[in-house]
Amino acid sequence: MRQSFAWWSFTHGRDVEPEPFLRAAKDSGAGGVEMLPETLWPLARDLGLELVTISGHALEQGFNDPARHTALKEEVRRKIDAAAAGGVDAVIVFAGSRFGDGVDAPAIAACVEGLGPVVAHAGKAGVRLLLELLNSKVDHPGHQCDRTSFGAEIVRQLNSPTLRLLYDGYHMQLMEGDLSRTIKAHADLIGHIHTAGAPGRRDLDDRQEINWRGIAGLLHHMGYDHWVGHEFVPRGDPIAALKQAVDLFAGSARVS
């Protein structure tokens, strides 16, 4: 399977030189980079890294609010067009924070209504859309798409191969656990996976509670062929941490 890393998390709090850092990330085994500033896209491509994701809009203000649909659709369409022109695989979208009475059913309906035209635009542009699942317990209080069932219902109702779930194991471990069973049950709806250790969003090592080696083996066994993006904040050297994560997933192919 293809593996990428999130620029923001691996450079978080660090002063890095982009060219040697991206080159070292490529040498560590990563095939792509996520959420990279647009000014660095040509450099990444020249080094042989694929451009995997960009964010389509601010995550707090999402498609669960019909009052935001017009502005959001315009913003995300611009990001889709930029992704298509720059060779980016996917644009990430969000349901947004709860508002009003916070009931799920009308929020799901609003997301379906608002995302419909955007999904159609992305399909014509040849860009995928990824609806991200986020935790509302620690990092994003009030976020509405904080369970797999919420995001899955939106993807099912829109019924387009252009839209899939971005299943973030760190966020879903905090919210619901049971990662392996949930991934298997929603395999047809998942188009991207993010990794990080829980509960601290650190390295994929024995100091965290998710058995990422087991998850990697499951994905190989299932024939998962989308991206796995490492989105954790390394404790120490970021390239060494990235290589360890890449090797963990690559090694699981031999034992799955």
C-alpha atoms as a PDB file:
ATOM      1  CA  MET A   1       0.000   0.000   0.000  1.00  0.00           C
ATOM      2  CA  ARG A   2       1.077   3.589  -0.532  1.00  0.00           C
ATOM      3  CA  GLN A   3       2.364   5.566   2.445  1.00  0.00           C
ATOM      4  CA  SER A   4       2.546   9.314   2.994  1.00  0.00           C
ATOM      5  CA  PHE A   5       3.231  11.745   5.818  1.00  0.00           C
ATOM      6  CA  ALA A   6       1.602  14.961   6.984  1.00  0.00           C
ATOM      7  CA  TRP A   7       3.873  17.973   6.533  1.00  0.00           C
ATOM      8  CA  TRP A   8       2.337  19.875   9.441  1.00  0.00           C
ATOM      9  CA  SER A   9       2.851  17.144  12.047  1.00  0.00           C
ATOM     10  CA  PHE A  10       6.372  16.102  11.083  1.00  0.00           C
ATOM     11  CA  THR A  11       7.583  19.703  10.996  1.00  0.00           C
ATOM     12  CA  HIS A  12       5.551  20.859  14.021  1.00  0.00           C
ATOM     13  CA  GLY A  13       7.730  23.063  16.235  1.00  0.00           C
ATOM     14  CA  ARG A  14      10.775  22.449  14.047  1.00  0.00           C
ATOM     15  CA  ASP A  15      12.766  24.736  11.780  1.00  0.00           C
ATOM     16  CA  VAL A  16      13.390  22.559   8.728  1.00  0.00           C
ATOM     17  CA  GLU A  17      14.910  23.170   5.334  1.00  0.00           C
ATOM     18  CA  PRO A  18      12.278  21.903   2.890  1.00  0.00           C
ATOM     19  CA  GLU A  19      14.531  20.363   0.231  1.00  0.00           C
ATOM     20  CA  PRO A  20      16.700  18.134   2.462  1.00  0.00           C
ATOM     21  CA  PHE A  21      13.724  17.275   4.663  1.00  0.00           C
ATOM     22  CA  LEU A  22      11.532  16.166   1.758  1.00  0.00           C
ATOM     23  CA  ARG A  23      14.431  14.286   0.210  1.00  0.00           C
ATOM     24  CA  ALA A  24      15.088  12.440   3.486  1.00  0.00           C
ATOM     25  CA  ALA A  25      11.371  11.643   3.810  1.00  0.00           C
ATOM     26  CA  LYS A  26      11.407  10.161   0.324  1.00  0.00           C
ATOM     27  CA  ASP A  27      14.527   8.135   1.163  1.00  0.00           C
ATOM     28  CA  SER A  28      12.818   6.819   4.311  1.00  0.00           C
ATOM     29  CA  GLY A  29      10.233   5.079   2.124  1.00  0.00           C
ATOM     30  CA  ALA A  30       7.392   7.611   2.014  1.00  0.00           C
ATOM     31  CA  GLY A  31       5.774   7.879  -1.387  1.00  0.00           C
ATOM     32  CA  GLY A  32       3.765  11.034  -0.811  1.00  0.00           C
ATOM     33  CA  VAL A  33       3.257  14.110   1.330  1.00  0.00           C
ATOM     34  CA  GLU A  34       0.053  15.598   2.698  1.00  0.00           C
ATOM     35  CA  MET A  35      -1.081  19.140   3.386  1.00  0.00           C
ATOM     36  CA  LEU A  36       2.098  20.576   1.933  1.00  0.00           C
ATOM     37  CA  PRO A  37       2.159  24.352   1.334  1.00  0.00           C
ATOM     38  CA  GLU A  38       1.462  25.011  -2.337  1.00  0.00           C
ATOM     39  CA  THR A  39       4.753  26.856  -2.790  1.00  0.00           C
ATOM     40  CA  LEU A  40       6.545  23.552  -2.131  1.00  0.00           C
ATOM     41  CA  TRP A  41       4.523  21.427  -4.550  1.00  0.00           C
ATOM     42  CA  PRO A  42       7.028  21.700  -7.434  1.00  0.00           C
ATOM     43  CA  LEU A  43       9.904  20.735  -5.121  1.00  0.00           C
ATOM     44  CA  ALA A  44       8.073  17.660  -3.830  1.00  0.00           C
ATOM     45  CA  ARG A  45       7.186  16.543  -7.334  1.00  0.00           C
ATOM     46  CA  ASP A  46      10.800  17.018  -8.481  1.00  0.00           C
ATOM     47  CA  LEU A  47      11.958  14.783  -5.616  1.00  0.00           C
ATOM     48  CA  GLY A  48       9.506  12.066  -6.606  1.00  0.00           C
ATOM     49  CA  LEU A  49       6.949  12.571  -3.849  1.00  0.00           C
ATOM     50  CA  GLU A  50       3.267  12.455  -4.757  1.00  0.00           C
ATOM     51  CA  LEU A  51       0.975  15.221  -3.530  1.00  0.00           C
ATOM     52  CA  VAL A  52      -1.678  13.324  -1.623  1.00  0.00           C
ATOM     53  CA  THR A  53      -4.070  15.680   0.211  1.00  0.00           C
ATOM     54  CA  ILE A  54      -4.895  19.302   0.882  1.00  0.00           C
ATOM     55  CA  SER A  55      -7.570  20.723   3.184  1.00  0.00           C
ATOM     56  CA  GLY A  56     -10.598  22.149   1.459  1.00  0.00           C
ATOM     57  CA  HIS A  57     -11.700  24.567   4.184  1.00  0.00           C
ATOM     58  CA  ALA A  58     -11.504  25.330   7.912  1.00  0.00           C
ATOM     59  CA  LEU A  59     -12.696  22.301   9.855  1.00  0.00           C
ATOM     60  CA  GLU A  60     -14.807  24.242  12.376  1.00  0.00           C
ATOM     61  CA  GLN A  61     -17.120  25.661   9.701  1.00  0.00           C
ATOM     62  CA  GLY A  62     -18.444  22.735   7.739  1.00  0.00           C
ATOM     63  CA  PHE A  63     -21.270  21.430   5.624  1.00  0.00           C
ATOM     64  CA  ASN A  64     -23.557  20.637   8.574  1.00  0.00           C
ATOM     65  CA  ASP A  65     -24.678  24.292   8.492  1.00  0.00           C
ATOM     66  CA  PRO A  66     -26.818  25.148   5.430  1.00  0.00           C
ATOM     67  CA  ALA A  67     -26.089  28.850   5.948  1.00  0.00           C
ATOM     68  CA  ARG A  68     -22.453  28.180   5.032  1.00  0.00           C
ATOM     69  CA  HIS A  69     -23.098  26.115   1.906  1.00  0.00           C
ATOM     70  CA  THR A  70     -22.706  28.856  -0.676  1.00  0.00           C
ATOM     71  CA  ALA A  71     -19.371  30.079   0.662  1.00  0.00           C
ATOM     72  CA  LEU A  72     -18.065  26.583   1.341  1.00  0.00           C
ATOM     73  CA  LYS A  73     -18.965  25.269  -2.098  1.00  0.00           C
ATOM     74  CA  GLU A  74     -17.095  28.140  -3.730  1.00  0.00           C
ATOM     75  CA  GLU A  75     -14.048  27.636  -1.479  1.00  0.00           C
ATOM     76  CA  VAL A  76     -13.873  23.883  -1.940  1.00  0.00           C
ATOM     77  CA  ARG A  77     -14.370  24.158  -5.706  1.00  0.00           C
ATOM     78  CA  ARG A  78     -11.346  26.473  -5.837  1.00  0.00           C
ATOM     79  CA  LYS A  79      -9.319  23.943  -3.861  1.00  0.00           C
ATOM     80  CA  ILE A  80     -10.462  21.143  -6.160  1.00  0.00           C
ATOM     81  CA  ASP A  81      -9.373  23.120  -9.199  1.00  0.00           C
ATOM     82  CA  ALA A  82      -6.010  23.877  -7.590  1.00  0.00           C
ATOM     83  CA  ALA A  83      -5.580  20.207  -6.713  1.00  0.00           C
ATOM     84  CA  ALA A  84      -6.412  19.132 -10.250  1.00  0.00           C
ATOM     85  CA  ALA A  85      -3.952  21.649 -11.714  1.00  0.00           C
ATOM     86  CA  GLY A  86      -1.210  20.694  -9.248  1.00  0.00           C
ATOM     87  CA  GLY A  87      -1.636  16.938  -9.374  1.00  0.00           C
ATOM     88  CA  VAL A  88      -2.991  16.515  -5.836  1.00  0.00           C
ATOM     89  CA  ASP A  89      -4.925  13.302  -5.294  1.00  0.00           C
ATOM     90  CA  ALA A  90      -7.579  14.407  -2.788  1.00  0.00           C
ATOM     91  CA  VAL A  91      -9.198  17.331  -0.984  1.00  0.00           C
ATOM     92  CA  ILE A  92     -10.288  16.921   2.652  1.00  0.00           C
ATOM     93  CA  VAL A  93     -13.705  18.231   3.734  1.00  0.00           C
ATOM     94  CA  PHE A  94     -15.359  18.469   7.144  1.00  0.00           C
ATOM     95  CA  ALA A  95     -18.823  18.368   8.648  1.00  0.00           C
ATOM     96  CA  GLY A  96     -18.041  21.204  11.071  1.00  0.00           C
ATOM     97  CA  SER A  97     -18.766  21.939  14.717  1.00  0.00           C
ATOM     98  CA  ARG A  98     -22.202  21.334  16.220  1.00  0.00           C
ATOM     99  CA  PHE A  99     -24.505  24.329  16.427  1.00  0.00           C
ATOM    100  CA  GLY A 100     -28.062  24.928  17.610  1.00  0.00           C
ATOM    101  CA  ASP A 101     -29.544  21.754  19.076  1.00  0.00           C
ATOM    102  CA  GLY A 102     -26.749  19.675  17.517  1.00  0.00           C
ATOM    103  CA  VAL A 103     -29.043  16.864  16.356  1.00  0.00           C
ATOM    104  CA  ASP A 104     -27.344  14.477  13.925  1.00  0.00           C
ATOM    105  CA  ALA A 105     -30.125  13.716  11.417  1.00  0.00           C
ATOM    106  CA  PRO A 106     -30.570  17.257  10.053  1.00  0.00           C
ATOM    107  CA  ALA A 107     -26.794  17.750  10.108  1.00  0.00           C
ATOM    108  CA  ILE A 108     -26.306  14.645   7.968  1.00  0.00           C
ATOM    109  CA  ALA A 109     -29.010  15.857   5.581  1.00  0.00           C
ATOM    110  CA  ALA A 110     -27.320  19.255   5.353  1.00  0.00           C
ATOM    111  CA  CYS A 111     -23.942  17.657   4.604  1.00  0.00           C
ATOM    112  CA  VAL A 112     -25.477  15.533   1.857  1.00  0.00           C
ATOM    113  CA  GLU A 113     -27.188  18.559   0.323  1.00  0.00           C
ATOM    114  CA  GLY A 114     -24.131  20.802   0.524  1.00  0.00           C
ATOM    115  CA  LEU A 115     -21.560  18.259  -0.591  1.00  0.00           C
ATOM    116  CA  GLY A 116     -23.573  16.958  -3.546  1.00  0.00           C
ATOM    117  CA  PRO A 117     -22.563  19.659  -6.046  1.00  0.00           C
ATOM    118  CA  VAL A 118     -18.994  19.649  -4.730  1.00  0.00           C
ATOM    119  CA  VAL A 119     -18.709  15.898  -5.209  1.00  0.00           C
ATOM    120  CA  ALA A 120     -19.940  16.296  -8.783  1.00  0.00           C
ATOM    121  CA  HIS A 121     -17.361  19.021  -9.434  1.00  0.00           C
ATOM    122  CA  ALA A 122     -14.569  16.895  -7.963  1.00  0.00           C
ATOM    123  CA  GLY A 123     -15.575  13.920 -10.064  1.00  0.00           C
ATOM    124  CA  LYS A 124     -15.352  15.950 -13.265  1.00  0.00           C
ATOM    125  CA  ALA A 125     -11.961  17.318 -12.168  1.00  0.00           C
ATOM    126  CA  GLY A 126     -10.574  13.867 -11.383  1.00  0.00           C
ATOM    127  CA  VAL A 127      -9.972  14.707  -7.714  1.00  0.00           C
ATOM    128  CA  ARG A 128     -11.174  12.636  -4.776  1.00  0.00           C
ATOM    129  CA  LEU A 129     -12.952  14.109  -1.744  1.00  0.00           C
ATOM    130  CA  LEU A 130     -12.293  12.764   1.751  1.00  0.00           C
ATOM    131  CA  LEU A 131     -14.667  13.410   4.654  1.00  0.00           C
ATOM    132  CA  GLU A 132     -12.527  13.296   7.778  1.00  0.00           C
ATOM    133  CA  LEU A 133     -13.535  11.759  11.098  1.00  0.00           C
ATOM    134  CA  LEU A 134     -12.235  13.802  14.065  1.00  0.00           C
ATOM    135  CA  ASN A 135     -12.420  13.403  17.825  1.00  0.00           C
ATOM    136  CA  SER A 136     -14.532  15.849  19.819  1.00  0.00           C
ATOM    137  CA  LYS A 137     -13.127  14.698  23.154  1.00  0.00           C
ATOM    138  CA  VAL A 138      -9.651  16.292  23.092  1.00  0.00           C
ATOM    139  CA  ASP A 139      -8.589  18.072  19.907  1.00  0.00           C
ATOM    140  CA  HIS A 140     -11.809  19.362  18.333  1.00  0.00           C
ATOM    141  CA  PRO A 141     -14.497  19.948  20.977  1.00  0.00           C
ATOM    142  CA  GLY A 142     -17.954  20.101  19.443  1.00  0.00           C
ATOM    143  CA  HIS A 143     -17.003  18.561  16.104  1.00  0.00           C
ATOM    144  CA  GLN A 144     -20.020  16.693  14.756  1.00  0.00           C
ATOM    145  CA  CYS A 145     -18.461  14.065  12.491  1.00  0.00           C
ATOM    146  CA  ASP A 146     -16.825  12.380  15.480  1.00  0.00           C
ATOM    147  CA  ARG A 147     -18.037   8.820  14.906  1.00  0.00           C
ATOM    148  CA  THR A 148     -17.670   6.495  11.959  1.00  0.00           C
ATOM    149  CA  SER A 149     -21.437   6.009  11.674  1.00  0.00           C
ATOM    150  CA  PHE A 150     -22.017   9.747  11.101  1.00  0.00           C
ATOM    151  CA  GLY A 151     -19.539  10.043   8.242  1.00  0.00           C
ATOM    152  CA  ALA A 152     -20.500   6.686   6.754  1.00  0.00           C
ATOM    153  CA  GLU A 153     -24.130   7.713   6.416  1.00  0.00           C
ATOM    154  CA  ILE A 154     -23.151  10.812   4.418  1.00  0.00           C
ATOM    155  CA  VAL A 155     -20.940   8.793   2.080  1.00  0.00           C
ATOM    156  CA  ARG A 156     -23.636   6.149   1.614  1.00  0.00           C
ATOM    157  CA  GLN A 157     -26.326   8.680   0.803  1.00  0.00           C
ATOM    158  CA  LEU A 158     -24.194  10.514  -1.756  1.00  0.00           C
ATOM    159  CA  ASN A 159     -23.259   7.149  -3.296  1.00  0.00           C
ATOM    160  CA  SER A 160     -20.345   8.398  -5.381  1.00  0.00           C
ATOM    161  CA  PRO A 161     -16.880   6.836  -5.749  1.00  0.00           C
ATOM    162  CA  THR A 162     -15.519  10.385  -5.621  1.00  0.00           C
ATOM    163  CA  LEU A 163     -16.347  10.759  -1.902  1.00  0.00           C
ATOM    164  CA  ARG A 164     -14.872   8.466   0.731  1.00  0.00           C
ATOM    165  CA  LEU A 165     -14.096   8.564   4.445  1.00  0.00           C
ATOM    166  CA  LEU A 166     -10.755   9.647   5.801  1.00  0.00           C
ATOM    167  CA  TYR A 167     -10.557   7.194   8.686  1.00  0.00           C
ATOM    168  CA  ASP A 168      -8.180   8.588  11.304  1.00  0.00           C
ATOM    169  CA  GLY A 169      -7.258   5.840  13.744  1.00  0.00           C
ATOM    170  CA  TYR A 170      -6.006   8.251  16.398  1.00  0.00           C
ATOM    171  CA  HIS A 171      -9.258  10.222  16.452  1.00  0.00           C
ATOM    172  CA  MET A 172     -11.474   7.139  16.362  1.00  0.00           C
ATOM    173  CA  GLN A 173      -9.509   5.364  19.099  1.00  0.00           C
ATOM    174  CA  LEU A 174     -10.326   8.290  21.381  1.00  0.00           C
ATOM    175  CA  MET A 175     -14.006   8.278  20.392  1.00  0.00           C
ATOM    176  CA  GLU A 176     -15.037   4.660  19.865  1.00  0.00           C
ATOM    177  CA  GLY A 177     -12.119   2.218  19.792  1.00  0.00           C
ATOM    178  CA  ASP A 178     -12.778  -1.160  18.129  1.00  0.00           C
ATOM    179  CA  LEU A 179     -10.689  -0.062  15.151  1.00  0.00           C
ATOM    180  CA  SER A 180     -10.230  -3.391  13.387  1.00  0.00           C
ATOM    181  CA  ARG A 181     -13.912  -4.321  13.422  1.00  0.00           C
ATOM    182  CA  THR A 182     -14.931  -0.829  12.314  1.00  0.00           C
ATOM    183  CA  ILE A 183     -12.444  -0.737   9.440  1.00  0.00           C
ATOM    184  CA  LYS A 184     -13.624  -4.136   8.197  1.00  0.00           C
ATOM    185  CA  ALA A 185     -17.286  -3.114   8.424  1.00  0.00           C
ATOM    186  CA  HIS A 186     -16.703   0.094   6.440  1.00  0.00           C
ATOM    187  CA  ALA A 187     -13.988  -1.056   4.055  1.00  0.00           C
ATOM    188  CA  ASP A 188     -15.988  -0.032   0.992  1.00  0.00           C
ATOM    189  CA  LEU A 189     -16.406   3.520   2.329  1.00  0.00           C
ATOM    190  CA  ILE A 190     -12.813   4.222   3.451  1.00  0.00           C
ATOM    191  CA  GLY A 191     -10.569   5.954   0.938  1.00  0.00           C
ATOM    192  CA  HIS A 192      -7.703   7.087   3.153  1.00  0.00           C
ATOM    193  CA  ILE A 193      -6.285   6.261   6.581  1.00  0.00           C
ATOM    194  CA  HIS A 194      -4.355   8.442   9.008  1.00  0.00           C
ATOM    195  CA  THR A 195      -2.154   7.026  11.739  1.00  0.00           C
ATOM    196  CA  ALA A 196      -0.900   8.347  15.069  1.00  0.00           C
ATOM    197  CA  GLY A 197      -0.305   6.860  18.473  1.00  0.00           C
ATOM    198  CA  ALA A 198      -3.104   7.239  21.004  1.00  0.00           C
ATOM    199  CA  PRO A 199      -3.648   8.899  23.333  1.00  0.00           C
ATOM    200  CA  GLY A 200      -0.739  11.293  22.724  1.00  0.00           C
ATOM    201  CA  ARG A 201      -0.627  11.542  18.911  1.00  0.00           C
ATOM    202  CA  ARG A 202       2.987  10.427  18.969  1.00  0.00           C
ATOM    203  CA  ASP A 203       5.078   7.705  17.300  1.00  0.00           C
ATOM    204  CA  LEU A 204       3.692   4.292  16.372  1.00  0.00           C
ATOM    205  CA  ASP A 205       5.583   2.526  19.162  1.00  0.00           C
ATOM    206  CA  ASP A 206       4.932   0.519  22.318  1.00  0.00           C
ATOM    207  CA  ARG A 207       4.208   3.619  24.374  1.00  0.00           C
ATOM    208  CA  GLN A 208       0.741   3.983  22.867  1.00  0.00           C
ATOM    209  CA  GLU A 209      -2.369   1.824  22.929  1.00  0.00           C
ATOM    210  CA  ILE A 210      -3.177   1.156  19.260  1.00  0.00           C
ATOM    211  CA  ASN A 211      -1.738  -2.014  17.787  1.00  0.00           C
ATOM    212  CA  TRP A 212      -0.792  -0.425  14.485  1.00  0.00           C
ATOM    213  CA  ARG A 213       1.072  -3.533  13.373  1.00  0.00           C
ATOM    214  CA  GLY A 214      -2.173  -5.455  13.715  1.00  0.00           C
ATOM    215  CA  ILE A 215      -4.100  -2.757  11.818  1.00  0.00           C
ATOM    216  CA  ALA A 216      -1.475  -2.796   9.065  1.00  0.00           C
ATOM    217  CA  GLY A 217      -1.760  -6.563   8.743  1.00  0.00           C
ATOM    218  CA  LEU A 218      -5.531  -6.303   8.530  1.00  0.00           C
ATOM    219  CA  LEU A 219      -5.314  -3.718   5.770  1.00  0.00           C
ATOM    220  CA  HIS A 220      -2.930  -5.899   3.772  1.00  0.00           C
ATOM    221  CA  HIS A 221      -5.208  -8.899   4.272  1.00  0.00           C
ATOM    222  CA  MET A 222      -8.195  -6.858   3.064  1.00  0.00           C
ATOM    223  CA  GLY A 223      -6.328  -5.732  -0.036  1.00  0.00           C
ATOM    224  CA  TYR A 224      -6.526  -2.066   0.938  1.00  0.00           C
ATOM    225  CA  ASP A 225      -4.793  -0.092  -1.815  1.00  0.00           C
ATOM    226  CA  HIS A 226      -5.370   3.557  -0.895  1.00  0.00           C
ATOM    227  CA  TRP A 227      -2.993   5.829   1.001  1.00  0.00           C
ATOM    228  CA  VAL A 228      -1.962   5.399   4.609  1.00  0.00           C
ATOM    229  CA  GLY A 229      -0.865   8.808   5.873  1.00  0.00           C
ATOM    230  CA  HIS A 230       1.240   9.112   9.009  1.00  0.00           C
ATOM    231  CA  GLU A 231      -0.022  12.160  10.907  1.00  0.00           C
ATOM    232  CA  PHE A 232       1.720  12.051  14.254  1.00  0.00           C
ATOM    233  CA  VAL A 233       4.093  14.450  16.010  1.00  0.00           C
ATOM    234  CA  PRO A 234       7.414  12.614  16.496  1.00  0.00           C
ATOM    235  CA  ARG A 235       9.042  12.674  19.920  1.00  0.00           C
ATOM    236  CA  GLY A 236      12.552  12.728  18.485  1.00  0.00           C
ATOM    237  CA  ASP A 237      14.084  12.777  15.025  1.00  0.00           C
ATOM    238  CA  PRO A 238      11.157  13.041  12.579  1.00  0.00           C
ATOM    239  CA  ILE A 239      12.800  11.152   9.721  1.00  0.00           C
ATOM    240  CA  ALA A 240      13.716   8.245  11.987  1.00  0.00           C
ATOM    241  CA  ALA A 241      10.134   8.178  13.305  1.00  0.00           C
ATOM    242  CA  LEU A 242       8.751   8.257   9.770  1.00  0.00           C
ATOM    243  CA  LYS A 243      11.004   5.405   8.659  1.00  0.00           C
ATOM    244  CA  GLN A 244       9.916   3.328  11.655  1.00  0.00           C
ATOM    245  CA  ALA A 245       6.249   3.878  10.764  1.00  0.00           C
ATOM    246  CA  VAL A 246       6.784   3.123   7.070  1.00  0.00           C
ATOM    247  CA  ASP A 247       8.730  -0.026   7.902  1.00  0.00           C
ATOM    248  CA  LEU A 248       5.993  -1.153  10.306  1.00  0.00           C
ATOM    249  CA  PHE A 249       3.380  -1.062   7.557  1.00  0.00           C
ATOM    250  CA  ALA A 250       5.681  -2.456   4.883  1.00  0.00           C
ATOM    251  CA  GLY A 251       6.753  -5.297   7.174  1.00  0.00           C
ATOM    252  CA  SER A 252       3.168  -6.256   7.935  1.00  0.00           C
ATOM    253  CA  ALA A 253       2.744  -7.322   4.312  1.00  0.00           C
ATOM    254  CA  ARG A 254       5.122 -10.216   4.971  1.00  0.00           C
ATOM    255  CA  VAL A 255       3.238 -11.480   8.007  1.00  0.00           C
ATOM    256  CA  SER A 256      -0.406 -10.687   7.185  1.00  0.00           C
END
